[in-house]
């Protein structure tokens, strides 16, 4: 009996240590992403300068030619921002993956499955970042986005807000949000064993996460792609929506607010034309 208690105590201690290691690793990756974002993700100015200049500095900015190297830089900008913004909200799911892996193989000192899950999750956000970079290129080439990465059209901004507000109220949004908010339910439906299975689960979870948050990330084209207030605000909202007890109602409230805001901007834009 005492031996069984000792084993249970040892397992609990190991799980607690592993939990701390995983949290530290996720925090380190996210912090590095934020530091790189604040530094300007390779752009000519850092994020503080771009936020301070905003739309007023667009006339002074020199447009960058869209060469392959610049396109890669824009892709990396989006990818690093997505890692910094989204990885904290995925932490409960990652911790559960690691805990389950430890229970399956208590003797293991490294869980490849945990790393594979995170890799699958980030792979989906890399796909989203590639799409965002293409949209970024299209908007800038059409004159709807300034070299300072701020919008030039009230119609574009109002349309984005209305689209985001409406999407927040859709069953698809709520279905994706439920999968993100309930890790145990997610694993009950999508569990697969092994490293390849963990990568697959990461891809599936990342897909739900993109389905939940893609339109919120698109709002960066409204507030300014490198505007720190919008980056931090959206990241904080996503974290709250996924982790707070009333996240579903928060989603509905945000949807109504965004919809009203967008309609107001579009109405004013039409009146002024």
Protein backbone atom coordinates (compact mmCIF):
# COMPACT_ATOMS: atom_id res chain seq x y z
CA UNK A 1 0.00 0.00 0.00
CA UNK A 2 2.77 2.42 0.96
CA UNK A 3 4.65 1.52 -2.23
CA UNK A 4 1.59 2.37 -4.35
CA UNK A 5 1.22 5.68 -2.54
CA UNK A 6 4.89 6.39 -3.14
CA UNK A 7 4.54 5.71 -6.86
CA UNK A 8 1.48 7.94 -7.08
CA UNK A 9 3.34 10.70 -5.25
CA UNK A 10 6.33 10.32 -7.59
CA UNK A 11 4.07 10.47 -10.65
CA UNK A 12 2.37 13.60 -9.32
CA UNK A 13 5.76 15.19 -8.72
CA UNK A 14 6.94 14.32 -12.23
CA UNK A 15 3.73 15.66 -13.78
CA UNK A 16 4.13 18.91 -11.85
CA UNK A 17 7.74 19.26 -13.00
CA UNK A 18 6.82 18.52 -16.61
CA UNK A 19 4.01 21.02 -16.45
CA UNK A 20 6.44 23.72 -15.31
CA UNK A 21 8.88 22.82 -18.10
CA UNK A 22 6.20 22.94 -20.79
CA UNK A 23 4.83 26.25 -19.49
CA UNK A 24 8.34 27.71 -19.45
CA UNK A 25 9.00 26.51 -23.01
CA UNK A 26 5.73 27.92 -24.34
CA UNK A 27 6.33 31.20 -22.52
CA UNK A 28 9.86 31.43 -23.94
CA UNK A 29 8.64 30.91 -27.52
CA UNK A 30 5.82 33.42 -27.10
CA UNK A 31 8.10 36.01 -25.47
CA UNK A 32 10.66 35.64 -28.25
CA UNK A 33 7.84 36.20 -30.74
CA UNK A 34 6.75 39.36 -28.94
CA UNK A 35 10.31 40.67 -28.74
CA UNK A 36 10.83 40.10 -32.47
CA UNK A 37 7.47 41.76 -33.21
CA UNK A 38 8.34 44.79 -31.07
CA UNK A 39 11.69 45.02 -32.83
CA UNK A 40 9.85 45.41 -36.14
CA UNK A 41 10.18 41.86 -37.51
CA UNK A 42 12.95 42.93 -39.86
CA UNK A 43 11.24 46.09 -41.13
CA UNK A 44 13.01 49.45 -41.36
CA UNK A 45 11.26 50.71 -38.20
CA UNK A 46 10.31 48.99 -34.97
CA UNK A 47 6.72 48.48 -33.92
CA UNK A 48 6.78 51.40 -31.47
CA UNK A 49 7.80 53.81 -34.23
CA UNK A 50 5.24 52.43 -36.68
CA UNK A 51 2.48 52.69 -34.06
CA UNK A 52 3.45 56.26 -33.21
CA UNK A 53 3.50 57.36 -36.86
CA UNK A 54 0.34 55.49 -37.88
CA UNK A 55 -1.57 56.79 -40.89
CA UNK A 56 0.01 60.22 -40.52
CA UNK A 57 3.38 58.80 -41.50
CA UNK A 58 2.11 57.06 -44.61
CA UNK A 59 2.93 60.02 -46.84
CA UNK A 60 6.52 60.01 -45.59
CA UNK A 61 7.03 56.27 -45.96
CA UNK A 62 8.78 54.87 -49.00
CA UNK A 63 6.92 51.93 -50.55
CA UNK A 64 8.92 48.72 -50.56
CA UNK A 65 9.05 46.83 -53.86
CA UNK A 66 7.51 43.38 -53.53
CA UNK A 67 10.55 41.28 -54.25
CA UNK A 68 10.73 37.61 -53.18
CA UNK A 69 12.86 38.61 -50.18
CA UNK A 70 10.34 41.26 -49.08
CA UNK A 71 7.44 38.85 -49.56
CA UNK A 72 9.28 36.36 -47.33
CA UNK A 73 9.81 39.10 -44.76
CA UNK A 74 6.08 39.92 -44.73
CA UNK A 75 5.25 36.22 -44.36
CA UNK A 76 7.66 35.92 -41.42
CA UNK A 77 6.14 39.05 -39.89
CA UNK A 78 2.69 37.48 -39.93
CA UNK A 79 3.97 34.11 -38.73
CA UNK A 80 5.89 35.55 -35.78
CA UNK A 81 2.89 37.66 -34.79
CA UNK A 82 0.61 34.62 -34.94
CA UNK A 83 2.98 32.61 -32.75
CA UNK A 84 3.20 35.44 -30.21
CA UNK A 85 -0.56 36.07 -30.21
CA UNK A 86 -1.97 32.54 -30.39
CA UNK A 87 0.41 30.23 -28.54
CA UNK A 88 -0.63 31.43 -25.04
CA UNK A 89 -4.28 30.57 -25.73
CA UNK A 90 -3.24 27.07 -26.88
CA UNK A 91 -1.33 26.37 -23.66
CA UNK A 92 -4.13 24.41 -21.89
CA UNK A 93 -4.37 22.04 -24.85
CA UNK A 94 -0.58 21.59 -25.01
CA UNK A 95 -0.39 20.91 -21.27
CA UNK A 96 -3.09 18.26 -21.55
CA UNK A 97 -1.24 16.59 -24.43
CA UNK A 98 1.92 16.48 -22.34
CA UNK A 99 0.12 15.13 -19.26
CA UNK A 100 -1.50 12.36 -21.28
CA UNK A 101 1.84 11.47 -22.87
CA UNK A 102 3.47 11.24 -19.45
CA UNK A 103 0.75 8.94 -18.15
CA UNK A 104 1.16 6.67 -21.17
CA UNK A 105 4.97 6.57 -20.80
CA UNK A 106 6.02 7.69 -17.28
CA UNK A 107 9.69 6.77 -17.90
CA UNK A 108 10.16 9.13 -20.83
CA UNK A 109 12.17 12.29 -20.24
CA UNK A 110 11.18 13.91 -23.54
CA UNK A 111 7.79 13.80 -25.16
CA UNK A 112 8.14 14.01 -28.89
CA UNK A 113 4.35 13.96 -29.07
CA UNK A 114 4.10 17.31 -27.27
CA UNK A 115 6.57 18.92 -29.66
CA UNK A 116 4.79 17.30 -32.62
CA UNK A 117 1.43 18.67 -31.45
CA UNK A 118 2.83 22.20 -31.22
CA UNK A 119 4.50 21.77 -34.63
CA UNK A 120 1.18 20.71 -36.19
CA UNK A 121 -0.60 23.62 -34.54
CA UNK A 122 1.93 26.15 -35.78
CA UNK A 123 1.98 24.59 -39.26
CA UNK A 124 -1.66 25.60 -39.70
CA UNK A 125 -0.91 29.12 -38.54
CA UNK A 126 1.99 29.18 -41.01
CA UNK A 127 -0.53 28.40 -43.78
CA UNK A 128 -2.74 31.21 -42.49
CA UNK A 129 0.27 33.56 -42.44
CA UNK A 130 1.01 32.74 -46.08
CA UNK A 131 -2.59 33.61 -47.00
CA UNK A 132 -2.39 36.81 -44.94
CA UNK A 133 0.82 37.80 -46.73
CA UNK A 134 -0.91 37.31 -50.10
CA UNK A 135 -3.86 39.46 -48.99
CA UNK A 136 -1.37 42.00 -47.65
CA UNK A 137 0.32 42.14 -51.05
CA UNK A 138 -3.02 42.50 -52.85
CA UNK A 139 -4.22 45.32 -50.60
CA UNK A 140 -0.95 47.22 -50.89
CA UNK A 141 -0.79 46.83 -54.68
CA UNK A 142 -4.37 48.08 -54.99
CA UNK A 143 -3.64 51.11 -52.82
CA UNK A 144 -5.90 49.99 -49.97
CA UNK A 145 -2.96 49.59 -47.59
CA UNK A 146 -0.22 52.16 -47.06
CA UNK A 147 3.50 51.35 -46.77
CA UNK A 148 2.97 51.90 -43.03
CA UNK A 149 0.51 48.97 -43.19
CA UNK A 150 -2.54 51.09 -42.33
CA UNK A 151 -5.78 51.15 -44.38
CA UNK A 152 -6.58 53.94 -46.81
CA UNK A 153 -10.27 53.17 -47.27
CA UNK A 154 -13.08 53.63 -44.75
CA UNK A 155 -15.14 51.24 -46.85
CA UNK A 156 -12.51 48.53 -46.39
CA UNK A 157 -12.35 49.14 -42.65
CA UNK A 158 -16.11 49.20 -42.21
CA UNK A 159 -16.53 46.05 -44.30
CA UNK A 160 -13.92 44.21 -42.23
CA UNK A 161 -15.66 45.21 -38.99
CA UNK A 162 -19.08 44.13 -40.28
CA UNK A 163 -17.67 40.83 -41.54
CA UNK A 164 -15.96 40.19 -38.19
CA UNK A 165 -19.12 41.07 -36.27
CA UNK A 166 -21.30 38.79 -38.36
CA UNK A 167 -18.83 35.91 -38.19
CA UNK A 168 -18.71 36.14 -34.39
CA UNK A 169 -22.42 35.29 -34.37
CA UNK A 170 -22.28 32.30 -36.74
CA UNK A 171 -22.62 28.63 -35.71
CA UNK A 172 -19.24 27.92 -37.38
CA UNK A 173 -17.49 30.39 -35.11
CA UNK A 174 -19.16 28.92 -32.03
CA UNK A 175 -18.36 25.34 -33.07
CA UNK A 176 -14.68 26.22 -33.51
CA UNK A 177 -14.66 28.14 -30.23
CA UNK A 178 -16.13 25.15 -28.34
CA UNK A 179 -13.35 22.90 -29.64
CA UNK A 180 -10.75 25.42 -28.49
CA UNK A 181 -12.37 25.94 -25.08
CA UNK A 182 -12.83 22.26 -24.14
CA UNK A 183 -9.56 20.28 -24.44
CA UNK A 184 -10.95 17.05 -22.97
CA UNK A 185 -13.85 17.02 -25.40
CA UNK A 186 -11.44 17.68 -28.27
CA UNK A 187 -9.27 14.70 -27.36
CA UNK A 188 -12.29 12.47 -26.86
CA UNK A 189 -13.16 13.06 -30.53
CA UNK A 190 -9.75 13.44 -32.14
CA UNK A 191 -7.24 11.46 -30.06
CA UNK A 192 -4.55 9.60 -32.02
CA UNK A 193 -1.59 7.78 -30.51
CA UNK A 194 2.06 8.25 -31.40
CA UNK A 195 4.10 11.18 -32.64
CA UNK A 196 2.39 11.24 -36.03
CA UNK A 197 -0.96 11.16 -34.25
CA UNK A 198 0.07 14.10 -32.05
CA UNK A 199 1.07 16.09 -35.14
CA UNK A 200 -2.31 15.28 -36.69
CA UNK A 201 -4.09 16.44 -33.54
CA UNK A 202 -2.07 19.65 -33.61
CA UNK A 203 -3.15 20.24 -37.20
CA UNK A 204 -6.80 19.61 -36.33
CA UNK A 205 -6.66 21.87 -33.28
CA UNK A 206 -4.87 24.55 -35.29
CA UNK A 207 -7.60 24.32 -37.93
CA UNK A 208 -10.28 24.89 -35.30
CA UNK A 209 -8.22 27.75 -33.88
CA UNK A 210 -7.89 29.43 -37.28
CA UNK A 211 -11.61 28.87 -37.84
CA UNK A 212 -12.27 30.63 -34.55
CA UNK A 213 -9.89 33.58 -34.94
CA UNK A 214 -9.07 34.22 -38.62
CA UNK A 215 -11.42 37.18 -38.99
CA UNK A 216 -10.12 38.71 -35.76
CA UNK A 217 -6.60 38.58 -37.17
CA UNK A 218 -7.89 40.16 -40.38
CA UNK A 219 -8.88 43.17 -38.29
CA UNK A 220 -5.18 44.06 -38.24
CA UNK A 221 -5.79 45.32 -41.78
CA UNK A 222 -8.24 47.77 -40.19
CA UNK A 223 -6.32 48.88 -37.11
CA UNK A 224 -2.84 48.65 -38.62
CA UNK A 225 -0.84 45.48 -39.17
CA UNK A 226 2.00 46.67 -36.93
CA UNK A 227 -0.12 48.74 -34.53
CA UNK A 228 0.82 47.53 -31.06
CA UNK A 229 -2.51 48.54 -29.54
CA UNK A 230 -4.37 46.33 -32.02
CA UNK A 231 -1.91 43.45 -31.77
CA UNK A 232 -2.04 43.41 -27.97
CA UNK A 233 -5.78 44.04 -27.88
CA UNK A 234 -6.65 41.20 -30.25
CA UNK A 235 -4.26 38.81 -28.46
CA UNK A 236 -5.82 39.67 -25.08
CA UNK A 237 -9.34 39.27 -26.44
CA UNK A 238 -8.56 35.88 -27.99
CA UNK A 239 -7.07 34.67 -24.70
CA UNK A 240 -10.15 35.86 -22.78
CA UNK A 241 -12.59 34.38 -25.29
CA UNK A 242 -10.97 30.95 -25.01
CA UNK A 243 -10.25 30.83 -21.29
CA UNK A 244 -12.90 32.85 -19.44
CA UNK A 245 -15.96 30.95 -18.21
CA UNK A 246 -18.40 33.02 -20.31
CA UNK A 247 -16.33 33.05 -23.48
CA UNK A 248 -19.31 32.24 -25.72
CA UNK A 249 -21.24 35.28 -24.51
CA UNK A 250 -18.12 37.41 -24.81
CA UNK A 251 -17.97 36.31 -28.44
CA UNK A 252 -21.59 37.37 -29.01
CA UNK A 253 -21.04 40.73 -27.29
CA UNK A 254 -17.91 41.42 -29.35
CA UNK A 255 -19.77 40.48 -32.51
CA UNK A 256 -22.56 42.93 -31.79
CA UNK A 257 -20.06 45.70 -30.99
CA UNK A 258 -18.00 45.10 -34.12
CA UNK A 259 -21.12 44.97 -36.26
CA UNK A 260 -22.44 48.28 -34.89
CA UNK A 261 -19.02 49.91 -35.30
CA UNK A 262 -18.70 48.71 -38.88
CA UNK A 263 -22.20 49.86 -39.86
CA UNK A 264 -21.44 53.29 -38.37
CA UNK A 265 -18.21 53.61 -40.40
CA UNK A 266 -19.88 52.45 -43.62
CA UNK A 267 -22.82 54.83 -43.09
CA UNK A 268 -20.48 57.79 -42.63
CA UNK A 269 -18.41 56.74 -45.62
CA UNK A 270 -21.48 56.60 -47.86
CA UNK A 271 -22.69 59.99 -46.62
CA UNK A 272 -19.34 61.56 -47.39
CA UNK A 273 -19.10 60.23 -50.95
